[in-house]
């Protein structure tokens, strides 16, 4: 698959994940974010939102791993740090 197609598929599934998050359909959001990561595995925003969807399902270990990965990729990721904090205080 070419890089442009990968980006478009990642973007499409990411947007579907965001829509699912807004609807509080956390399982579908998780599925869409995981699908998006197949195309762009190091996308910080996708990892951060995946962490949020996982946290809402009480999948704290997986949520922590996703948030940590997003922060390792971008330590300035301000959305990732609260995810780490919330997971440890759940």
Protein backbone atom coordinates (compact mmCIF):
# COMPACT_ATOMS: atom_id res chain seq x y z
CA UNK A 1 0.00 0.00 0.00
CA UNK A 2 1.33 3.45 -0.73
CA UNK A 3 1.92 6.09 1.89
CA UNK A 4 -0.86 8.43 0.69
CA UNK A 5 -3.43 5.62 0.75
CA UNK A 6 -2.28 4.61 4.24
CA UNK A 7 -2.73 8.18 5.45
CA UNK A 8 -6.21 8.44 3.95
CA UNK A 9 -7.33 5.12 5.47
CA UNK A 10 -5.84 6.09 8.84
CA UNK A 11 -7.61 9.46 8.70
CA UNK A 12 -10.94 7.89 7.73
CA UNK A 13 -10.91 5.36 10.56
CA UNK A 14 -9.62 7.96 13.02
CA UNK A 15 -12.61 10.20 12.26
CA UNK A 16 -14.97 7.26 12.71
CA UNK A 17 -13.31 6.64 16.07
CA UNK A 18 -13.82 10.26 17.12
CA UNK A 19 -17.48 10.06 16.11
CA UNK A 20 -17.87 6.91 18.19
CA UNK A 21 -16.22 8.59 21.19
CA UNK A 22 -18.69 11.47 20.91
CA UNK A 23 -21.56 8.97 20.91
CA UNK A 24 -20.01 7.21 23.93
CA UNK A 25 -19.70 4.05 21.85
CA UNK A 26 -16.33 3.22 23.35
CA UNK A 27 -15.96 -0.31 21.96
CA UNK A 28 -16.41 0.89 18.37
CA UNK A 29 -14.11 3.84 19.05
CA UNK A 30 -11.45 1.40 20.25
CA UNK A 31 -11.89 -0.72 17.14
CA UNK A 32 -11.62 2.26 14.80
CA UNK A 33 -8.54 3.67 16.54
CA UNK A 34 -6.84 0.26 16.44
CA UNK A 35 -7.65 0.02 12.72
CA UNK A 36 -6.22 3.49 12.15
CA UNK A 37 -3.01 2.50 13.93
CA UNK A 38 -2.52 -0.35 11.47
CA UNK A 39 -1.92 2.30 8.81
CA UNK A 40 -0.05 4.87 10.95
CA UNK A 41 1.23 3.10 14.07
CA UNK A 42 3.02 6.10 15.56
CA UNK A 43 0.19 8.62 15.34
CA UNK A 44 0.13 10.39 18.71
CA UNK A 45 -3.45 11.65 18.44
CA UNK A 46 -4.75 8.17 17.65
CA UNK A 47 -2.86 6.62 20.55
CA UNK A 48 -4.17 9.29 22.92
CA UNK A 49 -7.77 8.80 21.82
CA UNK A 50 -7.39 5.03 21.97
CA UNK A 51 -6.26 5.43 25.57
CA UNK A 52 -9.39 7.43 26.31
CA UNK A 53 -11.67 4.81 24.73
CA UNK A 54 -9.93 2.05 26.66
CA UNK A 55 -10.11 3.95 29.93
CA UNK A 56 -13.87 4.40 29.49
CA UNK A 57 -14.14 0.60 29.26
CA UNK A 58 -12.04 0.09 32.40
CA UNK A 59 -9.23 -1.44 30.37
CA UNK A 60 -6.69 0.43 32.45
CA UNK A 61 -3.56 -1.56 31.61
CA UNK A 62 -4.11 -1.18 27.86
CA UNK A 63 -5.10 2.48 28.30
CA UNK A 64 -1.89 3.12 30.22
CA UNK A 65 0.22 1.46 27.52
CA UNK A 66 -1.40 3.51 24.78
CA UNK A 67 -1.04 6.80 26.67
CA UNK A 68 2.56 6.00 27.58
CA UNK A 69 3.39 5.22 23.96
CA UNK A 70 1.88 8.54 22.86
CA UNK A 71 3.96 10.41 25.45
CA UNK A 72 7.14 8.57 24.48
CA UNK A 73 6.56 9.67 20.89
CA UNK A 74 5.77 13.25 21.93
CA UNK A 75 6.59 14.28 25.52
CA UNK A 76 4.82 17.60 24.86
CA UNK A 77 1.54 15.75 24.20
CA UNK A 78 -0.57 17.57 26.77
CA UNK A 79 -3.58 15.30 26.20
CA UNK A 80 -1.55 12.19 26.97
CA UNK A 81 -0.38 13.20 30.43
CA UNK A 82 -3.85 13.46 32.02
CA UNK A 83 -4.60 9.98 30.69
CA UNK A 84 -1.61 8.65 32.62
CA UNK A 85 -2.69 10.50 35.75
CA UNK A 86 -6.34 9.33 35.53
CA UNK A 87 -5.34 5.73 34.98
CA UNK A 88 -3.14 5.68 38.06
CA UNK A 89 -5.89 7.24 40.14
CA UNK A 90 -8.74 5.00 38.98
